[in-house]
């Protein structure tokens, strides 16, 4: 008798093959069989009319701190994710010398918008080396499996001390060799890769650029030698890809003999640069080396409300006067004081800035009950203002005050330069790309793209009206087997005998995203944006049910993944 049999579901197995009606049997945490009329199970689920798919593998998250205090790893676990990979973009919390965690918190707060007070309280830093950090992660069960990568920022600071926090400092030959040694050590202990940030978008909380921004070729090649000695790991990069940058990074990956994975988004200032970078990745692949681009499946959506980090009035003197008030008091004051509302939507008396994005109302959109991730220009704040004879500022304030001050606006910050998702369609259908820009656990006051696995299916597989849709077989393979293999996790992302029994049972007709919301559930009562989903009937990790009818069960079968994993057993 099997431990579990899921019967009569529409199986989309993660391989890209056509869907079929079949049973899925689980034994000892692995897929035992997939086919018609399988034997009995100790537990049986009737999945008639439901999709049965592998658990989603999200390779680009920032749960480095949250995974040490939150066994449920939300929001990702609400969205069918059963494996998360963090340590991306060169930021993380190991290695770290005792008493020297303040800089890593400062860097993470600035780069990934996770409040320093939350990290100071939530992360215990009861480790020093990267292997120690992995051991700490391994000591706690979770709803999802977790895997970590070695971040360049933490490594550099550990080896060079305060000099390592300065982007224009050059390490000595001895320091470079020490970085190489520690990289090899981390990979042998189970790190899935080494990550670096080479973008001016990344600054520490104190305003300094991330220290890896201008690491010289000698430093990159030295670290690559450590990867080569370990014989494992992915080189993950977030870069602006200026002149000569890609060549330096691919040279490091070539020396290491390891895959190169580059974050790829469309930026408004250079809307065609992404294509140049993708062409360079194709050039690397043509030589037989492994390289890919991590792309998103929707715009990078900056959310704005009265309780978020940014909104159109955050720099206005009238807002600054009450910025320290509790959210409920701020809203009560706004709701009762017409003069205050008038001041906010009028130019500041001192002529100073009254909005952080005053020129962006044409691409600022109200967030409805069912968020639209490909909004038309005619639904923008500017268009609403034009139709109703009001100013965009007045419309924005009214929208944010809706629902008792919980209303939200969305600014498609990246991947939306042309006002549609045609570029994203090109990105996700390119064979050299994997999905990986969700940023779960990061940017908690401005973005909640951890829900991307859900919108991937609903937007591209069912609801898109402004361009072509994509087949569910392709989409599910992209978020399961595709992402798993990008990091050598060959034991998951596929419903086939011998593979890990990470499974989603989805009511696709009912699948939807709820409106994002601000909650205060981080350590010290810290704020974050979350987004729930509807339609996940069951999610299993290693055959243990972690989600039932969209709610977490409290089970914690998830484990630390150490290094690449072999396939079926």
Protein backbone atom coordinates (compact mmCIF):
# COMPACT_ATOMS: atom_id res chain seq x y z
CA UNK A 1 0.00 0.00 0.00
CA UNK A 2 1.31 3.45 -0.94
CA UNK A 3 1.55 6.24 1.62
CA UNK A 4 -0.46 8.56 -0.64
CA UNK A 5 -2.30 8.28 -3.94
CA UNK A 6 -3.59 11.34 -5.79
CA UNK A 7 -6.20 9.97 -8.20
CA UNK A 8 -7.56 11.04 -11.56
CA UNK A 9 -5.79 14.40 -11.68
CA UNK A 10 -4.65 16.22 -14.78
CA UNK A 11 -0.93 15.52 -14.43
CA UNK A 12 1.44 18.18 -15.80
CA UNK A 13 4.66 16.53 -14.75
CA UNK A 14 7.24 19.32 -15.16
CA UNK A 15 8.97 17.82 -18.19
CA UNK A 16 7.05 19.91 -20.71
CA UNK A 17 5.21 16.81 -21.96
CA UNK A 18 1.50 16.94 -22.71
CA UNK A 19 -0.89 16.72 -19.80
CA UNK A 20 -2.59 13.44 -19.06
CA UNK A 21 -5.11 11.98 -16.66
CA UNK A 22 -3.26 9.76 -14.20
CA UNK A 23 -2.75 8.75 -10.60
CA UNK A 24 0.35 9.80 -8.66
CA UNK A 25 1.55 7.51 -5.87
CA UNK A 26 3.95 8.48 -3.09
CA UNK A 27 6.03 6.22 -0.88
CA UNK A 28 8.66 7.28 1.70
CA UNK A 29 8.74 10.88 0.48
CA UNK A 30 9.35 9.95 -3.18
CA UNK A 31 7.19 9.54 -6.26
CA UNK A 32 6.56 5.79 -6.46
CA UNK A 33 4.50 5.63 -9.64
CA UNK A 34 2.57 7.76 -12.13
CA UNK A 35 -0.07 6.06 -14.24
CA UNK A 36 -3.64 4.79 -14.46
CA UNK A 37 -5.42 2.82 -11.75
CA UNK A 38 -2.57 2.57 -9.26
CA UNK A 39 -2.93 0.52 -6.10
CA UNK A 40 -4.44 1.70 -2.85
CA UNK A 41 -2.95 4.37 -0.59
CA UNK A 42 -3.16 4.93 3.12
CA UNK A 43 -4.44 8.37 2.13
CA UNK A 44 -6.19 9.01 -1.15
CA UNK A 45 -7.13 12.33 -2.75
CA UNK A 46 -9.61 12.67 -5.59
CA UNK A 47 -8.03 15.21 -7.95
CA UNK A 48 -10.64 14.95 -10.70
CA UNK A 49 -10.68 18.26 -12.57
CA UNK A 50 -7.56 19.48 -10.74
CA UNK A 51 -4.00 19.99 -11.96
CA UNK A 52 -1.32 17.85 -10.34
CA UNK A 53 2.12 19.40 -10.79
CA UNK A 54 5.54 19.39 -9.12
CA UNK A 55 6.26 21.82 -6.30
CA UNK A 56 7.65 25.11 -7.56
CA UNK A 57 11.38 25.82 -7.23
CA UNK A 58 12.19 29.50 -6.65
CA UNK A 59 15.90 30.10 -7.18
CA UNK A 60 15.99 33.85 -6.50
CA UNK A 61 14.94 34.75 -2.96
CA UNK A 62 16.40 36.62 0.00
CA UNK A 63 15.21 34.59 2.96
CA UNK A 64 18.76 34.55 4.41
CA UNK A 65 17.52 36.04 7.68
CA UNK A 66 13.83 35.09 7.67
CA UNK A 67 14.64 31.40 7.21
CA UNK A 68 16.36 31.46 10.62
CA UNK A 69 13.22 32.59 12.47
CA UNK A 70 10.19 31.77 10.27
CA UNK A 71 9.59 28.05 9.70
CA UNK A 72 6.69 28.78 7.34
CA UNK A 73 8.78 30.94 4.94
CA UNK A 74 5.86 33.05 3.77
CA UNK A 75 4.79 34.43 1.33
CA UNK A 76 6.49 31.79 -0.87
CA UNK A 77 4.92 28.78 0.83
CA UNK A 78 1.44 30.17 0.03
CA UNK A 79 2.24 30.02 -3.68
CA UNK A 80 3.12 26.40 -4.30
CA UNK A 81 6.85 26.88 -3.67
CA UNK A 82 8.52 23.87 -2.09
CA UNK A 83 12.19 24.85 -2.57
CA UNK A 84 13.76 28.28 -2.18
CA UNK A 85 17.33 29.38 -2.90
CA UNK A 86 18.75 32.49 -1.21
CA UNK A 87 22.07 34.28 -0.79
CA UNK A 88 21.53 36.01 -4.14
CA UNK A 89 22.98 39.33 -5.36
CA UNK A 90 26.08 39.19 -3.17
CA UNK A 91 24.29 39.85 0.14
CA UNK A 92 23.81 37.52 3.08
CA UNK A 93 24.87 36.75 6.62
CA UNK A 94 27.84 34.39 6.46
CA UNK A 95 30.70 34.25 6.97
CA UNK A 96 30.70 36.81 9.79
CA UNK A 97 33.13 37.46 12.63
CA UNK A 98 31.65 37.63 16.14
CA UNK A 99 30.41 41.13 16.86
CA UNK A 100 30.75 42.25 13.23
CA UNK A 101 27.19 41.65 12.03
CA UNK A 102 26.19 45.34 11.95
CA UNK A 103 27.71 45.93 8.51
CA UNK A 104 25.99 42.90 6.98
CA UNK A 105 22.68 44.13 8.38
CA UNK A 106 23.44 47.62 7.02
CA UNK A 107 24.16 46.14 3.58
CA UNK A 108 21.09 43.89 3.52
CA UNK A 109 18.83 46.72 4.70
CA UNK A 110 20.04 49.01 1.94
CA UNK A 111 20.15 46.51 -0.91
CA UNK A 112 17.05 44.48 -0.11
CA UNK A 113 14.91 46.86 2.00
CA UNK A 114 14.66 44.61 5.06
CA UNK A 115 14.55 46.79 8.20
CA UNK A 116 17.73 46.70 10.23
CA UNK A 117 15.80 46.53 13.50
CA UNK A 118 14.03 43.41 12.26
CA UNK A 119 17.31 41.75 11.28
CA UNK A 120 19.06 42.77 14.50
CA UNK A 121 16.30 41.16 16.55
CA UNK A 122 15.46 38.20 14.33
CA UNK A 123 18.88 36.94 13.19
CA UNK A 124 20.85 35.44 16.08
CA UNK A 125 24.23 35.22 14.29
CA UNK A 126 25.17 32.10 16.25
CA UNK A 127 27.61 31.13 13.51
CA UNK A 128 30.87 32.40 12.01
CA UNK A 129 31.83 30.36 8.96
CA UNK A 130 29.52 29.59 6.05
CA UNK A 131 29.45 25.89 7.01
CA UNK A 132 28.36 27.01 10.51
CA UNK A 133 25.53 29.02 8.91
CA UNK A 134 24.42 25.97 6.95
CA UNK A 135 24.40 23.94 10.15
CA UNK A 136 22.20 26.59 11.78
CA UNK A 137 19.78 26.41 8.83
CA UNK A 138 19.77 22.63 9.02
CA UNK A 139 18.76 22.67 12.68
CA UNK A 140 15.19 23.81 11.97
CA UNK A 141 12.45 22.19 9.91
CA UNK A 142 10.32 24.35 7.62
CA UNK A 143 7.35 24.20 5.29
CA UNK A 144 9.77 24.41 2.33
CA UNK A 145 13.27 23.19 1.54
CA UNK A 146 15.92 25.91 1.63
CA UNK A 147 19.31 26.25 -0.02
CA UNK A 148 21.94 28.97 0.35
CA UNK A 149 24.69 30.57 -1.71
CA UNK A 150 27.88 32.30 -0.59
CA UNK A 151 27.52 36.11 -0.93
CA UNK A 152 30.45 38.21 -2.15
CA UNK A 153 29.68 41.11 0.21
CA UNK A 154 29.88 39.00 3.36
CA UNK A 155 32.94 37.12 2.13
CA UNK A 156 34.84 40.30 1.27
CA UNK A 157 34.04 41.96 4.61
CA UNK A 158 35.03 38.83 6.52
CA UNK A 159 38.43 38.60 4.80
CA UNK A 160 39.31 42.30 4.48
CA UNK A 161 37.63 43.77 7.55
CA UNK A 162 36.47 47.38 7.26
CA UNK A 163 38.44 47.71 4.01
CA UNK A 164 36.12 45.14 2.51
CA UNK A 165 33.16 47.50 2.88
CA UNK A 166 34.73 50.01 0.50
CA UNK A 167 34.10 49.37 -3.16
CA UNK A 168 37.37 50.94 -4.28
CA UNK A 169 39.62 48.87 -1.99
CA UNK A 170 41.84 46.23 -3.59
CA UNK A 171 42.52 42.99 -1.69
CA UNK A 172 46.05 41.66 -1.39
CA UNK A 173 47.09 38.42 -3.07
CA UNK A 174 46.90 36.70 0.31
CA UNK A 175 43.37 38.03 0.86
CA UNK A 176 42.29 36.85 -2.59
CA UNK A 177 43.61 33.38 -1.84
CA UNK A 178 41.72 33.42 1.47
CA UNK A 179 38.51 34.31 -0.41
CA UNK A 180 39.19 31.40 -2.75
CA UNK A 181 39.75 29.04 0.18
CA UNK A 182 36.54 30.08 1.91
CA UNK A 183 34.61 29.82 -1.35
CA UNK A 184 35.83 26.27 -1.79
CA UNK A 185 34.96 25.53 1.84
CA UNK A 186 31.42 26.89 1.48
CA UNK A 187 30.75 24.97 -1.72
CA UNK A 188 32.06 21.72 -0.27
CA UNK A 189 29.80 22.26 2.76
CA UNK A 190 26.75 22.59 0.52
CA UNK A 191 26.45 26.13 -0.85
CA UNK A 192 24.69 26.04 -4.23
CA UNK A 193 26.78 28.87 -5.63
CA UNK A 194 28.70 32.10 -5.23
CA UNK A 195 26.88 35.39 -5.85
CA UNK A 196 28.05 38.92 -6.57
CA UNK A 197 26.46 42.31 -7.15
CA UNK A 198 27.85 44.65 -9.81
CA UNK A 199 25.06 47.20 -10.01
CA UNK A 200 24.89 50.80 -8.82
CA UNK A 201 21.29 50.14 -7.75
CA UNK A 202 22.68 48.30 -4.73
CA UNK A 203 23.71 50.49 -1.83
CA UNK A 204 24.08 49.85 1.88
CA UNK A 205 21.72 51.65 4.25
CA UNK A 206 24.45 54.25 4.88
CA UNK A 207 24.60 55.12 1.16
CA UNK A 208 27.81 53.32 0.23
CA UNK A 209 27.78 51.18 -2.88
CA UNK A 210 27.86 47.44 -2.38
CA UNK A 211 31.55 46.51 -1.94
CA UNK A 212 31.61 43.99 -4.79
CA UNK A 213 30.57 46.67 -7.31
CA UNK A 214 34.07 47.29 -8.57
CA UNK A 215 35.93 44.16 -7.50
CA UNK A 216 38.82 43.84 -9.94
CA UNK A 217 39.42 40.96 -12.33
CA UNK A 218 42.09 39.46 -10.06
CA UNK A 219 39.57 39.14 -7.23
CA UNK A 220 36.91 37.57 -9.44
CA UNK A 221 39.38 35.12 -10.97
CA UNK A 222 40.75 34.22 -7.54
CA UNK A 223 37.28 33.33 -6.29
CA UNK A 224 36.71 31.41 -9.52
CA UNK A 225 39.76 29.27 -8.69
CA UNK A 226 38.08 28.36 -5.41
CA UNK A 227 34.97 27.31 -7.31
CA UNK A 228 37.09 25.26 -9.69
CA UNK A 229 38.77 23.40 -6.83
CA UNK A 230 35.38 22.63 -5.29
CA UNK A 231 34.01 21.51 -8.66
CA UNK A 232 30.51 22.75 -7.85
CA UNK A 233 28.28 25.78 -7.66
CA UNK A 234 26.72 28.45 -9.88
CA UNK A 235 28.21 31.93 -10.36
CA UNK A 236 25.15 34.19 -9.92
CA UNK A 237 25.45 37.85 -10.92
CA UNK A 238 23.39 41.02 -10.64
CA UNK A 239 25.05 43.62 -12.87
CA UNK A 240 24.45 46.78 -14.87
CA UNK A 241 26.49 45.15 -17.67
CA UNK A 242 28.53 48.17 -18.64
CA UNK A 243 31.43 47.99 -21.14
CA UNK A 244 33.61 44.92 -20.58
CA UNK A 245 31.54 43.70 -17.63
CA UNK A 246 30.03 40.61 -19.22
CA UNK A 247 33.41 39.57 -20.61
CA UNK A 248 34.97 39.72 -17.13
CA UNK A 249 32.18 37.68 -15.58
CA UNK A 250 32.14 35.01 -18.25
CA UNK A 251 35.93 34.76 -17.98
CA UNK A 252 35.55 34.00 -14.25
CA UNK A 253 32.85 31.41 -14.96
CA UNK A 254 35.02 29.85 -17.68
CA UNK A 255 38.02 29.59 -15.34
CA UNK A 256 35.82 28.05 -12.65
CA UNK A 257 34.24 25.69 -15.16
CA UNK A 258 30.88 26.49 -13.59
CA UNK A 259 27.52 27.82 -14.86
CA UNK A 260 27.00 31.58 -15.15
CA UNK A 261 23.57 32.91 -14.18
CA UNK A 262 22.81 36.59 -14.81
CA UNK A 263 19.82 38.54 -13.51
CA UNK A 264 18.06 40.10 -16.51
CA UNK A 265 15.39 42.83 -16.46
CA UNK A 266 14.34 45.59 -18.82
CA UNK A 267 15.19 49.03 -17.44
CA UNK A 268 13.48 52.19 -18.69
CA UNK A 269 16.74 54.09 -19.20
CA UNK A 270 18.15 51.39 -21.52
CA UNK A 271 15.14 49.38 -22.70
CA UNK A 272 17.13 47.29 -25.20
CA UNK A 273 20.14 46.45 -23.05
CA UNK A 274 18.55 43.22 -21.84
CA UNK A 275 18.60 41.87 -25.39
CA UNK A 276 22.32 42.65 -25.79
CA UNK A 277 23.07 40.76 -22.58
CA UNK A 278 20.90 37.83 -23.63
CA UNK A 279 22.74 37.70 -26.97
CA UNK A 280 26.02 37.49 -25.05
CA UNK A 281 24.65 34.62 -22.98
CA UNK A 282 23.70 32.82 -26.18
CA UNK A 283 27.27 33.36 -27.35
CA UNK A 284 28.60 31.62 -24.25
CA UNK A 285 26.18 28.73 -24.71
CA UNK A 286 27.29 28.36 -28.34
CA UNK A 287 30.78 27.50 -27.08
CA UNK A 288 29.38 24.61 -25.03
CA UNK A 289 29.57 26.35 -21.65
CA UNK A 290 26.56 26.61 -19.35
CA UNK A 291 24.98 30.04 -18.92
CA UNK A 292 21.49 31.39 -18.40
CA UNK A 293 19.57 34.57 -17.64
CA UNK A 294 17.28 34.76 -14.63
CA UNK A 295 14.12 36.59 -15.73
CA UNK A 296 10.79 37.60 -14.25
CA UNK A 297 7.32 36.76 -15.47
CA UNK A 298 5.70 40.13 -14.74
CA UNK A 299 6.70 43.76 -14.10
CA UNK A 300 8.77 44.52 -11.03
CA UNK A 301 5.86 46.12 -9.19
CA UNK A 302 6.61 48.86 -6.65
CA UNK A 303 3.60 49.08 -4.35
CA UNK A 304 2.62 52.42 -2.86
CA UNK A 305 0.24 53.07 0.01
CA UNK A 306 -0.02 55.06 3.20
CA UNK A 307 1.94 52.35 5.03
CA UNK A 308 4.61 51.46 2.46
CA UNK A 309 8.17 52.76 2.14
CA UNK A 310 7.49 55.05 -0.84
CA UNK A 311 4.46 56.83 -2.25
CA UNK A 312 3.84 60.10 -4.15
CA UNK A 313 3.75 62.21 -0.98
CA UNK A 314 6.55 60.75 1.11
CA UNK A 315 8.81 63.78 0.54
CA UNK A 316 6.09 66.39 1.08
CA UNK A 317 6.54 68.54 4.22
CA UNK A 318 2.93 67.87 5.24
CA UNK A 319 3.59 64.13 5.18
CA UNK A 320 6.90 64.43 6.96
CA UNK A 321 5.15 66.25 9.81
CA UNK A 322 3.18 63.11 10.63
CA UNK A 323 5.47 60.39 9.28
CA UNK A 324 6.34 59.14 12.78
CA UNK A 325 2.71 58.66 13.81
CA UNK A 326 1.24 55.14 13.98
CA UNK A 327 -0.53 54.27 10.71
CA UNK A 328 -3.99 54.37 12.29
CA UNK A 329 -3.39 57.90 13.63
CA UNK A 330 -2.06 59.10 10.28
CA UNK A 331 -5.11 57.80 8.49
CA UNK A 332 -7.49 59.28 11.07
CA UNK A 333 -5.83 62.66 10.69
CA UNK A 334 -6.04 62.51 6.90
CA UNK A 335 -9.66 61.36 6.95
CA UNK A 336 -10.78 64.16 9.28
CA UNK A 337 -8.68 67.08 8.02
CA UNK A 338 -9.65 68.38 4.59
CA UNK A 339 -7.05 71.13 4.83
CA UNK A 340 -4.28 68.56 5.35
CA UNK A 341 -5.45 66.63 2.30
CA UNK A 342 -5.51 69.86 0.28
CA UNK A 343 -1.94 70.68 1.34
CA UNK A 344 -0.73 67.23 0.31
CA UNK A 345 -2.09 67.47 -3.22
CA UNK A 346 -0.96 71.04 -3.76
CA UNK A 347 2.66 72.11 -4.45
CA UNK A 348 4.80 72.45 -1.35
CA UNK A 349 4.99 76.03 -0.11
CA UNK A 350 8.77 75.92 0.16
CA UNK A 351 9.09 74.76 -3.42
CA UNK A 352 10.75 71.55 -2.30
CA UNK A 353 9.93 68.11 -3.65
CA UNK A 354 6.37 67.06 -2.95
CA UNK A 355 6.62 63.60 -4.46
CA UNK A 356 9.27 61.04 -5.17
CA UNK A 357 7.77 60.10 -8.52
CA UNK A 358 5.83 63.15 -9.73
CA UNK A 359 6.52 62.30 -13.36
CA UNK A 360 5.28 58.73 -13.05
CA UNK A 361 1.52 59.11 -12.70
CA UNK A 362 1.14 57.93 -16.29
CA UNK A 363 2.40 54.49 -15.19
CA UNK A 364 1.01 54.41 -11.67
CA UNK A 365 -2.03 52.14 -11.38
CA UNK A 366 -4.62 51.42 -8.67
CA UNK A 367 -4.43 47.84 -7.37
CA UNK A 368 -7.82 46.17 -7.58
CA UNK A 369 -9.26 43.21 -5.73
CA UNK A 370 -7.68 40.99 -8.38
CA UNK A 371 -4.40 42.71 -9.29
CA UNK A 372 -3.73 43.38 -12.98
CA UNK A 373 -0.08 42.81 -13.88
CA UNK A 374 -0.44 44.12 -17.44
CA UNK A 375 -2.42 47.32 -16.93
CA UNK A 376 -3.35 49.55 -19.83
CA UNK A 377 -2.32 53.21 -19.85
CA UNK A 378 -5.98 54.25 -19.74
CA UNK A 379 -6.30 52.79 -16.25
CA UNK A 380 -3.39 54.85 -14.88
CA UNK A 381 -3.74 57.53 -12.21
CA UNK A 382 -3.00 60.17 -14.84
CA UNK A 383 -5.72 58.86 -17.16
CA UNK A 384 -8.26 58.72 -14.32
CA UNK A 385 -7.38 62.29 -13.37
CA UNK A 386 -7.80 63.46 -16.95
CA UNK A 387 -11.24 61.80 -17.27
CA UNK A 388 -12.51 63.11 -13.94
CA UNK A 389 -11.09 66.62 -14.09
CA UNK A 390 -8.84 66.20 -11.05
CA UNK A 391 -5.12 66.31 -10.49
CA UNK A 392 -3.15 63.04 -10.49
CA UNK A 393 -2.10 63.83 -6.91
CA UNK A 394 -5.72 64.01 -5.79
CA UNK A 395 -6.53 60.70 -7.47
CA UNK A 396 -3.46 59.01 -5.95
CA UNK A 397 -4.33 60.18 -2.44
CA UNK A 398 -7.95 59.07 -2.80
CA UNK A 399 -6.89 55.62 -4.01
CA UNK A 400 -4.46 55.16 -1.12
CA UNK A 401 -7.09 56.26 1.41
CA UNK A 402 -9.56 53.66 0.11
CA UNK A 403 -10.41 50.66 2.28
CA UNK A 404 -9.67 52.55 5.48
CA UNK A 405 -6.26 53.70 4.31
CA UNK A 406 -5.22 50.29 2.95
CA UNK A 407 -5.51 51.14 -0.75
CA UNK A 408 -2.46 50.48 -2.93
CA UNK A 409 -1.00 51.77 -6.19
CA UNK A 410 1.45 49.86 -8.37
CA UNK A 411 4.32 51.35 -10.34
CA UNK A 412 5.77 48.85 -12.88
CA UNK A 413 9.37 49.77 -12.15
CA UNK A 414 11.11 47.39 -14.56
CA UNK A 415 10.05 45.05 -17.39
CA UNK A 416 7.40 47.57 -18.50
CA UNK A 417 9.17 50.25 -20.54
CA UNK A 418 6.70 49.89 -23.44
CA UNK A 419 3.54 49.63 -21.33
CA UNK A 420 2.95 45.91 -21.96
CA UNK A 421 4.52 42.51 -21.34
CA UNK A 422 5.64 41.71 -24.88
CA UNK A 423 9.29 41.94 -23.81
CA UNK A 424 8.62 39.62 -20.86
CA UNK A 425 7.04 37.15 -23.30
CA UNK A 426 10.28 37.18 -25.29
CA UNK A 427 12.30 36.68 -22.14
CA UNK A 428 10.43 33.75 -20.66
CA UNK A 429 10.13 31.89 -23.97
CA UNK A 430 13.85 32.15 -24.71
CA UNK A 431 15.62 28.80 -24.19
CA UNK A 432 18.52 30.52 -22.41
CA UNK A 433 16.36 31.84 -19.57
CA UNK A 434 15.13 30.51 -16.24
CA UNK A 435 12.61 32.12 -13.91
CA UNK A 436 14.32 33.96 -11.09
CA UNK A 437 13.45 37.55 -10.18
CA UNK A 438 10.76 37.02 -7.52
CA UNK A 439 12.91 38.30 -4.60
CA UNK A 440 10.90 36.55 -1.90
CA UNK A 441 11.77 37.91 1.54
CA UNK A 442 13.24 41.17 0.18
CA UNK A 443 12.01 44.71 -0.50
CA UNK A 444 9.39 44.07 2.14
CA UNK A 445 8.11 47.67 2.20
CA UNK A 446 7.82 48.18 -1.56
CA UNK A 447 7.49 44.91 -3.50
CA UNK A 448 5.74 41.56 -3.08
CA UNK A 449 6.74 39.58 -6.16
CA UNK A 450 7.13 36.33 -4.22
CA UNK A 451 3.65 35.59 -5.56
CA UNK A 452 5.05 35.33 -9.11
CA UNK A 453 4.68 31.52 -9.35
CA UNK A 454 0.92 32.00 -9.04
CA UNK A 455 0.65 34.90 -11.49
CA UNK A 456 2.87 32.96 -13.91
CA UNK A 457 0.04 30.44 -14.30
CA UNK A 458 -2.94 32.77 -14.07
CA UNK A 459 -1.63 35.60 -16.26
CA UNK A 460 0.21 33.65 -18.94
CA UNK A 461 -1.82 30.46 -18.84
CA UNK A 462 -5.34 31.87 -18.63
CA UNK A 463 -6.05 35.57 -18.19
CA UNK A 464 -3.82 37.57 -20.55
CA UNK A 465 -5.79 39.69 -23.03
CA UNK A 466 -3.13 42.02 -24.46
CA UNK A 467 -1.02 39.40 -26.21
CA UNK A 468 -0.47 35.66 -26.63
CA UNK A 469 -0.85 33.23 -23.75
CA UNK A 470 1.43 30.26 -23.06
CA UNK A 471 0.67 26.61 -22.43
CA UNK A 472 0.55 25.33 -18.86
CA UNK A 473 2.92 22.50 -19.74
CA UNK A 474 5.56 25.04 -20.73
CA UNK A 475 4.92 27.36 -17.77
CA UNK A 476 5.01 24.62 -15.15
CA UNK A 477 8.18 23.11 -16.62
CA UNK A 478 9.78 26.57 -16.51
CA UNK A 479 9.02 26.99 -12.77
CA UNK A 480 9.83 23.41 -11.74
CA UNK A 481 12.25 21.28 -13.74
CA UNK A 482 13.83 24.31 -15.40
CA UNK A 483 14.66 26.13 -12.19
CA UNK A 484 15.67 22.94 -10.38
CA UNK A 485 18.17 21.88 -13.02
CA UNK A 486 19.64 25.39 -13.20
CA UNK A 487 21.07 24.71 -9.74
CA UNK A 488 21.74 21.01 -10.14
CA UNK A 489 18.71 19.90 -8.13
CA UNK A 490 17.95 16.91 -10.31
CA UNK A 491 15.95 15.15 -7.59
CA UNK A 492 12.93 17.49 -7.84
CA UNK A 493 10.75 19.48 -10.22
CA UNK A 494 9.47 16.33 -11.98
CA UNK A 495 6.61 13.96 -11.26
CA UNK A 496 8.41 10.73 -12.12
CA UNK A 497 9.31 7.62 -10.11
CA UNK A 498 12.21 8.12 -7.73
CA UNK A 499 11.96 11.91 -7.59
CA UNK A 500 11.18 13.90 -4.46
CA UNK A 501 7.44 14.00 -3.75
CA UNK A 502 7.04 17.77 -3.88
CA UNK A 503 3.56 18.16 -5.36
CA UNK A 504 0.93 20.84 -5.99
CA UNK A 505 -2.73 19.99 -6.49
CA UNK A 506 -4.28 23.10 -8.01
CA UNK A 507 -7.84 24.14 -8.83
CA UNK A 508 -6.80 26.10 -11.90
CA UNK A 509 -10.26 27.56 -12.52
CA UNK A 510 -10.23 29.05 -9.01
CA UNK A 511 -6.55 29.98 -8.95
CA UNK A 512 -6.13 33.68 -8.26
CA UNK A 513 -4.06 36.24 -6.40
CA UNK A 514 -5.56 38.28 -3.62
CA UNK A 515 -4.85 41.95 -3.12
CA UNK A 516 -1.44 42.62 -1.48
CA UNK A 517 -1.59 43.95 2.07
CA UNK A 518 0.70 45.42 4.71
CA UNK A 519 1.11 43.40 7.91
CA UNK A 520 3.27 43.86 10.99
CA UNK A 521 4.40 40.32 11.80
CA UNK A 522 8.19 40.56 11.53
CA UNK A 523 10.40 40.61 14.65
CA UNK A 524 9.94 43.84 16.66
CA UNK A 525 6.58 44.26 14.90
CA UNK A 526 8.32 45.05 11.64
CA UNK A 527 6.26 45.82 8.55
CA UNK A 528 6.08 43.84 5.33
CA UNK A 529 3.91 43.38 2.27
CA UNK A 530 2.31 39.99 1.78
CA UNK A 531 0.03 38.48 -0.83
CA UNK A 532 -2.11 35.38 -0.48
CA UNK A 533 -3.52 33.09 -3.14
CA UNK A 534 -6.63 31.02 -3.71
CA UNK A 535 -6.75 27.70 -5.55
CA UNK A 536 -4.00 25.62 -3.90
CA UNK A 537 -5.96 22.60 -2.73
CA UNK A 538 -2.89 20.70 -1.54
CA UNK A 539 0.87 21.26 -1.46
CA UNK A 540 3.17 18.42 -0.39
CA UNK A 541 6.85 18.53 0.51
CA UNK A 542 8.42 15.06 0.47
CA UNK A 543 4.91 13.64 0.66
CA UNK A 544 3.91 15.67 3.74
CA UNK A 545 1.03 18.11 3.29
CA UNK A 546 2.10 21.69 4.02
CA UNK A 547 -0.85 23.56 2.48
CA UNK A 548 -4.51 22.51 2.48
CA UNK A 549 -7.13 24.71 0.81
CA UNK A 550 -4.74 27.69 0.73
CA UNK A 551 -3.86 27.47 4.43
CA UNK A 552 -0.60 26.24 5.93
CA UNK A 553 -1.00 23.02 7.89
CA UNK A 554 1.89 23.76 10.27
CA UNK A 555 3.88 20.74 9.13
CA UNK A 556 7.62 21.29 8.71
CA UNK A 557 9.08 18.61 6.44
CA UNK A 558 11.37 21.05 4.64
CA UNK A 559 15.10 20.56 4.99
CA UNK A 560 18.35 22.28 4.05
CA UNK A 561 19.55 21.26 0.60
CA UNK A 562 23.32 20.84 0.58
CA UNK A 563 24.80 21.11 -2.88
CA UNK A 564 23.69 19.58 -6.16
CA UNK A 565 21.35 16.60 -5.90
CA UNK A 566 21.31 13.46 -8.02
CA UNK A 567 18.14 12.46 -9.84
CA UNK A 568 15.76 9.57 -9.31
CA UNK A 569 16.63 6.82 -6.85
